[in-house]
Amino acid sequence: MIYHIITEVAWNEQQAADSIYVPSLQTEGFIHCCTQEQVAGVLIRYFKDQTGLLILTIDEQKLKSELKFEKSTNDELFPHVYGPINKSAILNVNRVSDK
């Protein structure tokens, strides 16, 4: 499994779509994801003090777009999805508890 963190607002705006699109797909060419072990660090580094966040659990075997594990922060390998995330690959949507 891989995970993508998205705002509840962005998720709700795309309810009618078959796939999820996020700004990084346009600006960087891929959608940032992480492994289960990386979720906590990603939340601290990139989403500190943000509320209204959701974590999408994605079955990478069901992705229609290409998935690559590439070096990123601290030379860690992060999963990057090179295209939209089809909703049929999303197994769960969980709220990040606001602290």
PDB file of N, CA and C in Angstrom:
ATOM      1  N   MET A   1       0.826  -1.184   0.000  1.00  0.00           N
ATOM      2  CA  MET A   1       0.000   0.000   0.000  1.00  0.00           C
ATOM      3  C   MET A   1       0.874   1.253   0.000  1.00  0.00           C
ATOM      4  N   ILE A   2       0.369   2.295  -0.647  1.00  0.00           N
ATOM      5  CA  ILE A   2       0.974   3.613  -0.560  1.00  0.00           C
ATOM      6  C   ILE A   2      -0.101   4.579  -0.101  1.00  0.00           C
ATOM      7  N   TYR A   3       0.323   5.780   0.276  1.00  0.00           N
ATOM      8  CA  TYR A   3      -0.594   6.745   0.889  1.00  0.00           C
ATOM      9  C   TYR A   3      -0.398   8.118   0.273  1.00  0.00           C
ATOM     10  N   HIS A   4      -1.509   8.846   0.143  1.00  0.00           N
ATOM     11  CA  HIS A   4      -1.465  10.229  -0.327  1.00  0.00           C
ATOM     12  C   HIS A   4      -2.243  11.084   0.659  1.00  0.00           C
ATOM     13  N   ILE A   5      -1.676  12.209   1.028  1.00  0.00           N
ATOM     14  CA  ILE A   5      -2.336  13.132   1.950  1.00  0.00           C
ATOM     15  C   ILE A   5      -2.946  14.252   1.120  1.00  0.00           C
ATOM     16  N   ILE A   6      -4.212  14.527   1.376  1.00  0.00           N
ATOM     17  CA  ILE A   6      -4.963  15.513   0.601  1.00  0.00           C
ATOM     18  C   ILE A   6      -5.874  16.277   1.556  1.00  0.00           C
ATOM     19  N   THR A   7      -6.179  17.512   1.216  1.00  0.00           N
ATOM     20  CA  THR A   7      -7.121  18.256   2.056  1.00  0.00           C
ATOM     21  C   THR A   7      -8.532  17.731   1.810  1.00  0.00           C
ATOM     22  N   GLU A   8      -9.341  17.828   2.821  1.00  0.00           N
ATOM     23  CA  GLU A   8     -10.735  17.408   2.677  1.00  0.00           C
ATOM     24  C   GLU A   8     -11.435  18.233   1.608  1.00  0.00           C
ATOM     25  N   VAL A   9     -11.096  19.513   1.508  1.00  0.00           N
ATOM     26  CA  VAL A   9     -11.686  20.389   0.494  1.00  0.00           C
ATOM     27  C   VAL A   9     -11.352  19.876  -0.907  1.00  0.00           C
ATOM     28  N   ALA A  10     -10.071  19.575  -1.149  1.00  0.00           N
ATOM     29  CA  ALA A  10      -9.662  19.078  -2.468  1.00  0.00           C
ATOM     30  C   ALA A  10     -10.327  17.745  -2.792  1.00  0.00           C
ATOM     31  N   TRP A  11     -10.427  16.872  -1.789  1.00  0.00           N
ATOM     32  CA  TRP A  11     -11.091  15.578  -1.973  1.00  0.00           C
ATOM     33  C   TRP A  11     -12.553  15.780  -2.351  1.00  0.00           C
ATOM     34  N   ASN A  12     -13.229  16.641  -1.607  1.00  0.00           N
ATOM     35  CA  ASN A  12     -14.660  16.881  -1.853  1.00  0.00           C
ATOM     36  C   ASN A  12     -14.909  17.508  -3.216  1.00  0.00           C
ATOM     37  N   GLU A  13     -13.997  18.342  -3.677  1.00  0.00           N
ATOM     38  CA  GLU A  13     -14.153  18.982  -4.990  1.00  0.00           C
ATOM     39  C   GLU A  13     -14.090  17.970  -6.130  1.00  0.00           C
ATOM     40  N   GLN A  14     -13.522  16.801  -5.870  1.00  0.00           N
ATOM     41  CA  GLN A  14     -13.321  15.812  -6.929  1.00  0.00           C
ATOM     42  C   GLN A  14     -14.203  14.575  -6.773  1.00  0.00           C
ATOM     43  N   GLN A  15     -15.260  14.694  -6.020  1.00  0.00           N
ATOM     44  CA  GLN A  15     -16.117  13.538  -5.774  1.00  0.00           C
ATOM     45  C   GLN A  15     -16.761  12.980  -7.036  1.00  0.00           C
ATOM     46  N   ALA A  16     -17.056  13.814  -7.989  1.00  0.00           N
ATOM     47  CA  ALA A  16     -17.720  13.346  -9.207  1.00  0.00           C
ATOM     48  C   ALA A  16     -16.736  12.730 -10.215  1.00  0.00           C
ATOM     49  N   ALA A  17     -15.443  12.954 -10.007  1.00  0.00           N
ATOM     50  CA  ALA A  17     -14.424  12.474 -10.952  1.00  0.00           C
ATOM     51  C   ALA A  17     -14.082  11.004 -10.700  1.00  0.00           C
ATOM     52  N   ASP A  18     -13.582  10.342 -11.735  1.00  0.00           N
ATOM     53  CA  ASP A  18     -13.141   8.953 -11.623  1.00  0.00           C
ATOM     54  C   ASP A  18     -11.724   8.842 -11.076  1.00  0.00           C
ATOM     55  N   SER A  19     -10.985   9.966 -11.136  1.00  0.00           N
ATOM     56  CA  SER A  19      -9.593   9.989 -10.696  1.00  0.00           C
ATOM     57  C   SER A  19      -9.315  11.260  -9.908  1.00  0.00           C
ATOM     58  N   ILE A  20      -8.244  11.202  -9.126  1.00  0.00           N
ATOM     59  CA  ILE A  20      -7.825  12.347  -8.327  1.00  0.00           C
ATOM     60  C   ILE A  20      -6.687  13.059  -9.044  1.00  0.00           C
ATOM     61  N   TYR A  21      -6.820  14.366  -9.165  1.00  0.00           N
ATOM     62  CA  TYR A  21      -5.774  15.211  -9.722  1.00  0.00           C
ATOM     63  C   TYR A  21      -5.361  16.200  -8.638  1.00  0.00           C
ATOM     64  N   VAL A  22      -4.075  16.449  -8.508  1.00  0.00           N
ATOM     65  CA  VAL A  22      -3.583  17.432  -7.544  1.00  0.00           C
ATOM     66  C   VAL A  22      -2.607  18.358  -8.264  1.00  0.00           C
ATOM     67  N   PRO A  23      -2.380  19.572  -7.738  1.00  0.00           N
ATOM     68  CA  PRO A  23      -1.528  20.550  -8.429  1.00  0.00           C
ATOM     69  C   PRO A  23      -0.129  20.039  -8.798  1.00  0.00           C
ATOM     70  N   SER A  24       0.472  19.180  -7.970  1.00  0.00           N
ATOM     71  CA  SER A  24       1.832  18.715  -8.281  1.00  0.00           C
ATOM     72  C   SER A  24       1.889  17.928  -9.586  1.00  0.00           C
ATOM     73  N   LEU A  25       0.779  17.370 -10.013  1.00  0.00           N
ATOM     74  CA  LEU A  25       0.753  16.639 -11.281  1.00  0.00           C
ATOM     75  C   LEU A  25       1.067  17.597 -12.431  1.00  0.00           C
ATOM     76  N   GLN A  26       0.543  18.816 -12.347  1.00  0.00           N
ATOM     77  CA  GLN A  26       0.811  19.835 -13.370  1.00  0.00           C
ATOM     78  C   GLN A  26       2.204  20.433 -13.207  1.00  0.00           C
ATOM     79  N   THR A  27       2.573  20.765 -11.967  1.00  0.00           N
ATOM     80  CA  THR A  27       3.825  21.490 -11.744  1.00  0.00           C
ATOM     81  C   THR A  27       5.064  20.600 -11.744  1.00  0.00           C
ATOM     82  N   GLU A  28       4.931  19.351 -11.269  1.00  0.00           N
ATOM     83  CA  GLU A  28       6.085  18.470 -11.154  1.00  0.00           C
ATOM     84  C   GLU A  28       5.987  17.213 -12.020  1.00  0.00           C
ATOM     85  N   GLY A  29       4.798  16.947 -12.532  1.00  0.00           N
ATOM     86  CA  GLY A  29       4.618  15.788 -13.397  1.00  0.00           C
ATOM     87  C   GLY A  29       4.228  14.513 -12.680  1.00  0.00           C
ATOM     88  N   PHE A  30       4.069  14.589 -11.350  1.00  0.00           N
ATOM     89  CA  PHE A  30       3.676  13.404 -10.592  1.00  0.00           C
ATOM     90  C   PHE A  30       2.944  13.807  -9.315  1.00  0.00           C
ATOM     91  N   ILE A  31       2.312  12.828  -8.682  1.00  0.00           N
ATOM     92  CA  ILE A  31       1.630  13.021  -7.408  1.00  0.00           C
ATOM     93  C   ILE A  31       2.485  12.402  -6.319  1.00  0.00           C
ATOM     94  N   HIS A  32       2.775  13.202  -5.291  1.00  0.00           N
ATOM     95  CA  HIS A  32       3.577  12.733  -4.159  1.00  0.00           C
ATOM     96  C   HIS A  32       2.781  11.753  -3.314  1.00  0.00           C
ATOM     97  N   CYS A  33       3.378  10.638  -2.990  1.00  0.00           N
ATOM     98  CA  CYS A  33       2.796   9.671  -2.074  1.00  0.00           C
ATOM     99  C   CYS A  33       3.878   9.255  -1.077  1.00  0.00           C
ATOM    100  N   CYS A  34       3.519   8.380  -0.167  1.00  0.00           N
ATOM    101  CA  CYS A  34       4.492   7.893   0.808  1.00  0.00           C
ATOM    102  C   CYS A  34       4.088   6.485   1.242  1.00  0.00           C
ATOM    103  N   THR A  35       5.033   5.830   1.922  1.00  0.00           N
ATOM    104  CA  THR A  35       4.741   4.520   2.490  1.00  0.00           C
ATOM    105  C   THR A  35       4.144   4.725   3.878  1.00  0.00           C
ATOM    106  N   GLN A  36       3.644   3.669   4.467  1.00  0.00           N
ATOM    107  CA  GLN A  36       3.063   3.767   5.798  1.00  0.00           C
ATOM    108  C   GLN A  36       4.089   4.293   6.805  1.00  0.00           C
ATOM    109  N   GLU A  37       5.334   3.849   6.675  1.00  0.00           N
ATOM    110  CA  GLU A  37       6.386   4.270   7.590  1.00  0.00           C
ATOM    111  C   GLU A  37       6.742   5.747   7.420  1.00  0.00           C
ATOM    112  N   GLN A  38       6.444   6.326   6.274  1.00  0.00           N
ATOM    113  CA  GLN A  38       6.795   7.717   5.993  1.00  0.00           C
ATOM    114  C   GLN A  38       5.683   8.707   6.328  1.00  0.00           C
ATOM    115  N   VAL A  39       4.473   8.229   6.577  1.00  0.00           N
ATOM    116  CA  VAL A  39       3.324   9.116   6.780  1.00  0.00           C
ATOM    117  C   VAL A  39       3.573  10.133   7.890  1.00  0.00           C
ATOM    118  N   ALA A  40       4.013   9.687   9.050  1.00  0.00           N
ATOM    119  CA  ALA A  40       4.201  10.600  10.188  1.00  0.00           C
ATOM    120  C   ALA A  40       5.200  11.706   9.852  1.00  0.00           C
ATOM    121  N   GLY A  41       6.324  11.345   9.247  1.00  0.00           N
ATOM    122  CA  GLY A  41       7.323  12.343   8.882  1.00  0.00           C
ATOM    123  C   GLY A  41       6.815  13.326   7.848  1.00  0.00           C
ATOM    124  N   VAL A  42       6.054  12.845   6.884  1.00  0.00           N
ATOM    125  CA  VAL A  42       5.485  13.716   5.848  1.00  0.00           C
ATOM    126  C   VAL A  42       4.503  14.700   6.483  1.00  0.00           C
ATOM    127  N   LEU A  43       3.683  14.208   7.391  1.00  0.00           N
ATOM    128  CA  LEU A  43       2.732  15.101   8.071  1.00  0.00           C
ATOM    129  C   LEU A  43       3.466  16.202   8.838  1.00  0.00           C
ATOM    130  N   ILE A  44       4.532  15.848   9.518  1.00  0.00           N
ATOM    131  CA  ILE A  44       5.294  16.834  10.292  1.00  0.00           C
ATOM    132  C   ILE A  44       6.008  17.820   9.370  1.00  0.00           C
ATOM    133  N   ARG A  45       6.671  17.314   8.320  1.00  0.00           N
ATOM    134  CA  ARG A  45       7.465  18.171   7.432  1.00  0.00           C
ATOM    135  C   ARG A  45       6.626  19.088   6.557  1.00  0.00           C
ATOM    136  N   TYR A  46       5.543  18.572   6.002  1.00  0.00           N
ATOM    137  CA  TYR A  46       4.840  19.312   4.958  1.00  0.00           C
ATOM    138  C   TYR A  46       3.433  19.781   5.331  1.00  0.00           C
ATOM    139  N   PHE A  47       2.873  19.271   6.417  1.00  0.00           N
ATOM    140  CA  PHE A  47       1.490  19.612   6.753  1.00  0.00           C
ATOM    141  C   PHE A  47       1.339  20.099   8.184  1.00  0.00           C
ATOM    142  N   LYS A  48       2.439  20.539   8.798  1.00  0.00           N
ATOM    143  CA  LYS A  48       2.411  20.984  10.186  1.00  0.00           C
ATOM    144  C   LYS A  48       1.373  22.090  10.360  1.00  0.00           C
ATOM    145  N   ASP A  49       0.568  21.964  11.399  1.00  0.00           N
ATOM    146  CA  ASP A  49      -0.458  22.941  11.777  1.00  0.00           C
ATOM    147  C   ASP A  49      -1.615  23.055  10.785  1.00  0.00           C
ATOM    148  N   GLN A  50      -1.677  22.165   9.784  1.00  0.00           N
ATOM    149  CA  GLN A  50      -2.826  22.176   8.877  1.00  0.00           C
ATOM    150  C   GLN A  50      -3.913  21.271   9.437  1.00  0.00           C
ATOM    151  N   THR A  51      -5.132  21.649   9.210  1.00  0.00           N
ATOM    152  CA  THR A  51      -6.273  20.847   9.634  1.00  0.00           C
ATOM    153  C   THR A  51      -7.069  20.431   8.406  1.00  0.00           C
ATOM    154  N   GLY A  52      -8.028  19.543   8.614  1.00  0.00           N
ATOM    155  CA  GLY A  52      -8.872  19.108   7.508  1.00  0.00           C
ATOM    156  C   GLY A  52      -8.139  18.250   6.497  1.00  0.00           C
ATOM    157  N   LEU A  53      -7.259  17.380   6.990  1.00  0.00           N
ATOM    158  CA  LEU A  53      -6.491  16.513   6.094  1.00  0.00           C
ATOM    159  C   LEU A  53      -7.039  15.093   6.085  1.00  0.00           C
ATOM    160  N   LEU A  54      -6.894  14.455   4.935  1.00  0.00           N
ATOM    161  CA  LEU A  54      -7.296  13.065   4.762  1.00  0.00           C
ATOM    162  C   LEU A  54      -6.094  12.264   4.258  1.00  0.00           C
ATOM    163  N   ILE A  55      -6.063  10.994   4.613  1.00  0.00           N
ATOM    164  CA  ILE A  55      -5.042  10.087   4.082  1.00  0.00           C
ATOM    165  C   ILE A  55      -5.745   9.051   3.213  1.00  0.00           C
ATOM    166  N   LEU A  56      -5.325   8.992   1.962  1.00  0.00           N
ATOM    167  CA  LEU A  56      -5.865   8.002   1.032  1.00  0.00           C
ATOM    168  C   LEU A  56      -4.977   6.779   1.063  1.00  0.00           C
ATOM    169  N   THR A  57      -5.559   5.623   1.294  1.00  0.00           N
ATOM    170  CA  THR A  57      -4.830   4.361   1.218  1.00  0.00           C
ATOM    171  C   THR A  57      -5.020   3.824  -0.192  1.00  0.00           C
ATOM    172  N   ILE A  58      -3.902   3.612  -0.881  1.00  0.00           N
ATOM    173  CA  ILE A  58      -3.941   3.270  -2.298  1.00  0.00           C
ATOM    174  C   ILE A  58      -3.284   1.906  -2.520  1.00  0.00           C
ATOM    175  N   ASP A  59      -3.988   1.048  -3.232  1.00  0.00           N
ATOM    176  CA  ASP A  59      -3.430  -0.240  -3.632  1.00  0.00           C
ATOM    177  C   ASP A  59      -2.648  -0.008  -4.923  1.00  0.00           C
ATOM    178  N   GLU A  60      -1.341  -0.020  -4.826  1.00  0.00           N
ATOM    179  CA  GLU A  60      -0.519   0.298  -5.994  1.00  0.00           C
ATOM    180  C   GLU A  60      -0.708  -0.693  -7.133  1.00  0.00           C
ATOM    181  N   GLN A  61      -1.180  -1.901  -6.832  1.00  0.00           N
ATOM    182  CA  GLN A  61      -1.428  -2.891  -7.886  1.00  0.00           C
ATOM    183  C   GLN A  61      -2.624  -2.500  -8.760  1.00  0.00           C
ATOM    184  N   LYS A  62      -3.493  -1.641  -8.229  1.00  0.00           N
ATOM    185  CA  LYS A  62      -4.686  -1.229  -8.970  1.00  0.00           C
ATOM    186  C   LYS A  62      -4.522   0.117  -9.676  1.00  0.00           C
ATOM    187  N   LEU A  63      -3.370   0.765  -9.486  1.00  0.00           N
ATOM    188  CA  LEU A  63      -3.136   2.052 -10.145  1.00  0.00           C
ATOM    189  C   LEU A  63      -3.078   1.894 -11.652  1.00  0.00           C
ATOM    190  N   LYS A  64      -3.705   2.817 -12.348  1.00  0.00           N
ATOM    191  CA  LYS A  64      -3.624   2.814 -13.805  1.00  0.00           C
ATOM    192  C   LYS A  64      -2.437   3.646 -14.285  1.00  0.00           C
ATOM    193  N   SER A  65      -1.996   4.612 -13.471  1.00  0.00           N
ATOM    194  CA  SER A  65      -0.851   5.452 -13.803  1.00  0.00           C
ATOM    195  C   SER A  65       0.434   4.784 -13.331  1.00  0.00           C
ATOM    196  N   GLU A  66       1.541   5.180 -13.941  1.00  0.00           N
ATOM    197  CA  GLU A  66       2.840   4.614 -13.584  1.00  0.00           C
ATOM    198  C   GLU A  66       3.261   5.033 -12.175  1.00  0.00           C
ATOM    199  N   LEU A  67       3.824   4.103 -11.427  1.00  0.00           N
ATOM    200  CA  LEU A  67       4.329   4.342 -10.076  1.00  0.00           C
ATOM    201  C   LEU A  67       5.835   4.112 -10.082  1.00  0.00           C
ATOM    202  N   LYS A  68       6.573   5.095  -9.546  1.00  0.00           N
ATOM    203  CA  LYS A  68       8.027   4.966  -9.429  1.00  0.00           C
ATOM    204  C   LYS A  68       8.427   5.317  -8.006  1.00  0.00           C
ATOM    205  N   PHE A  69       9.343   4.564  -7.435  1.00  0.00           N
ATOM    206  CA  PHE A  69       9.945   4.905  -6.141  1.00  0.00           C
ATOM    207  C   PHE A  69      11.230   5.659  -6.446  1.00  0.00           C
ATOM    208  N   GLU A  70      11.289   6.918  -5.997  1.00  0.00           N
ATOM    209  CA  GLU A  70      12.419   7.768  -6.336  1.00  0.00           C
ATOM    210  C   GLU A  70      12.990   8.443  -5.095  1.00  0.00           C
ATOM    211  N   LYS A  71      14.298   8.713  -5.145  1.00  0.00           N
ATOM    212  CA  LYS A  71      14.947   9.397  -4.030  1.00  0.00           C
ATOM    213  C   LYS A  71      14.394  10.803  -3.892  1.00  0.00           C
ATOM    214  N   SER A  72      14.172  11.192  -2.639  1.00  0.00           N
ATOM    215  CA  SER A  72      13.653  12.520  -2.343  1.00  0.00           C
ATOM    216  C   SER A  72      14.272  12.977  -1.025  1.00  0.00           C
ATOM    217  N   THR A  73      13.477  13.512  -0.131  1.00  0.00           N
ATOM    218  CA  THR A  73      13.945  14.029   1.144  1.00  0.00           C
ATOM    219  C   THR A  73      14.816  13.010   1.879  1.00  0.00           C
ATOM    220  N   ASN A  74      15.973  13.459   2.359  1.00  0.00           N
ATOM    221  CA  ASN A  74      16.907  12.613   3.104  1.00  0.00           C
ATOM    222  C   ASN A  74      17.302  11.338   2.343  1.00  0.00           C
ATOM    223  N   ASP A  75      17.299  11.417   1.031  1.00  0.00           N
ATOM    224  CA  ASP A  75      17.627  10.271   0.170  1.00  0.00           C
ATOM    225  C   ASP A  75      16.704   9.072   0.371  1.00  0.00           C
ATOM    226  N   GLU A  76      15.525   9.317   0.965  1.00  0.00           N
ATOM    227  CA  GLU A  76      14.538   8.242   1.114  1.00  0.00           C
ATOM    228  C   GLU A  76      13.869   7.993  -0.233  1.00  0.00           C
ATOM    229  N   LEU A  77      13.460   6.753  -0.462  1.00  0.00           N
ATOM    230  CA  LEU A  77      12.681   6.423  -1.653  1.00  0.00           C
ATOM    231  C   LEU A  77      11.212   6.684  -1.372  1.00  0.00           C
ATOM    232  N   PHE A  78      10.619   7.568  -2.162  1.00  0.00           N
ATOM    233  CA  PHE A  78       9.207   7.890  -2.027  1.00  0.00           C
ATOM    234  C   PHE A  78       8.462   7.449  -3.278  1.00  0.00           C
ATOM    235  N   PRO A  79       7.220   6.968  -3.113  1.00  0.00           N
ATOM    236  CA  PRO A  79       6.415   6.606  -4.283  1.00  0.00           C
ATOM    237  C   PRO A  79       5.844   7.853  -4.961  1.00  0.00           C
ATOM    238  N   HIS A  80       6.046   7.940  -6.260  1.00  0.00           N
ATOM    239  CA  HIS A  80       5.509   9.032  -7.069  1.00  0.00           C
ATOM    240  C   HIS A  80       4.612   8.432  -8.147  1.00  0.00           C
ATOM    241  N   VAL A  81       3.409   8.967  -8.276  1.00  0.00           N
ATOM    242  CA  VAL A  81       2.447   8.480  -9.261  1.00  0.00           C
ATOM    243  C   VAL A  81       2.462   9.434 -10.450  1.00  0.00           C
ATOM    244  N   TYR A  82       2.849   8.930 -11.611  1.00  0.00           N
ATOM    245  CA  TYR A  82       2.980   9.736 -12.821  1.00  0.00           C
ATOM    246  C   TYR A  82       1.680   9.746 -13.621  1.00  0.00           C
ATOM    247  N   GLY A  83       0.696  10.382 -13.055  1.00  0.00           N
ATOM    248  CA  GLY A  83      -0.623  10.510 -13.663  1.00  0.00           C
ATOM    249  C   GLY A  83      -1.652  10.608 -12.557  1.00  0.00           C
ATOM    250  N   PRO A  84      -2.917  10.711 -12.916  1.00  0.00           N
ATOM    251  CA  PRO A  84      -3.955  10.790 -11.890  1.00  0.00           C
ATOM    252  C   PRO A  84      -4.073   9.479 -11.114  1.00  0.00           C
ATOM    253  N   ILE A  85      -4.624   9.569  -9.929  1.00  0.00           N
ATOM    254  CA  ILE A  85      -4.881   8.377  -9.115  1.00  0.00           C
ATOM    255  C   ILE A  85      -6.329   7.965  -9.345  1.00  0.00           C
ATOM    256  N   ASN A  86      -6.514   6.829  -9.988  1.00  0.00           N
ATOM    257  CA  ASN A  86      -7.867   6.345 -10.228  1.00  0.00           C
ATOM    258  C   ASN A  86      -8.511   5.931  -8.903  1.00  0.00           C
ATOM    259  N   LYS A  87      -9.762   6.317  -8.735  1.00  0.00           N
ATOM    260  CA  LYS A  87     -10.449   6.044  -7.470  1.00  0.00           C
ATOM    261  C   LYS A  87     -10.623   4.555  -7.204  1.00  0.00           C
ATOM    262  N   SER A  88     -10.609   3.744  -8.233  1.00  0.00           N
ATOM    263  CA  SER A  88     -10.741   2.305  -8.017  1.00  0.00           C
ATOM    264  C   SER A  88      -9.526   1.724  -7.287  1.00  0.00           C
ATOM    265  N   ALA A  89      -8.431   2.472  -7.228  1.00  0.00           N
ATOM    266  CA  ALA A  89      -7.239   2.035  -6.496  1.00  0.00           C
ATOM    267  C   ALA A  89      -7.248   2.508  -5.039  1.00  0.00           C
ATOM    268  N   ILE A  90      -8.173   3.399  -4.696  1.00  0.00           N
ATOM    269  CA  ILE A  90      -8.242   3.949  -3.340  1.00  0.00           C
ATOM    270  C   ILE A  90      -9.095   3.033  -2.477  1.00  0.00           C
ATOM    271  N   LEU A  91      -8.460   2.431  -1.477  1.00  0.00           N
ATOM    272  CA  LEU A  91      -9.148   1.466  -0.621  1.00  0.00           C
ATOM    273  C   LEU A  91      -9.824   2.109   0.588  1.00  0.00           C
ATOM    274  N   ASN A  92      -9.176   3.137   1.144  1.00  0.00           N
ATOM    275  CA  ASN A  92      -9.717   3.813   2.331  1.00  0.00           C
ATOM    276  C   ASN A  92      -9.406   5.294   2.286  1.00  0.00           C
ATOM    277  N   VAL A  93     -10.281   6.062   2.924  1.00  0.00           N
ATOM    278  CA  VAL A  93     -10.072   7.491   3.116  1.00  0.00           C
ATOM    279  C   VAL A  93     -10.263   7.735   4.599  1.00  0.00           C
ATOM    280  N   ASN A  94      -9.179   8.156   5.272  1.00  0.00           N
ATOM    281  CA  ASN A  94      -9.228   8.375   6.717  1.00  0.00           C
ATOM    282  C   ASN A  94      -8.850   9.806   7.057  1.00  0.00           C
ATOM    283  N   ARG A  95      -9.522  10.345   8.032  1.00  0.00           N
ATOM    284  CA  ARG A  95      -9.234  11.696   8.499  1.00  0.00           C
ATOM    285  C   ARG A  95      -8.005  11.684   9.399  1.00  0.00           C
ATOM    286  N   VAL A  96      -7.132  12.660   9.201  1.00  0.00           N
ATOM    287  CA  VAL A  96      -5.995  12.864  10.102  1.00  0.00           C
ATOM    288  C   VAL A  96      -6.539  13.627  11.292  1.00  0.00           C
ATOM    289  N   SER A  97      -6.294  13.119  12.487  1.00  0.00           N
ATOM    290  CA  SER A  97      -6.846  13.795  13.661  1.00  0.00           C
ATOM    291  C   SER A  97      -6.205  15.160  13.823  1.00  0.00           C
ATOM    292  N   ASP A  98      -7.040  16.187  13.964  1.00  0.00           N
ATOM    293  CA  ASP A  98      -6.572  17.561  14.167  1.00  0.00           C
ATOM    294  C   ASP A  98      -6.157  17.695  15.622  1.00  0.00           C
ATOM    295  N   LYS A  99      -4.948  18.193  15.828  1.00  0.00           N
ATOM    296  CA  LYS A  99      -4.465  18.351  17.193  1.00  0.00           C
ATOM    297  C   LYS A  99      -4.490  19.780  17.623  1.00  0.00           C
TER     298      LYS A  99
END
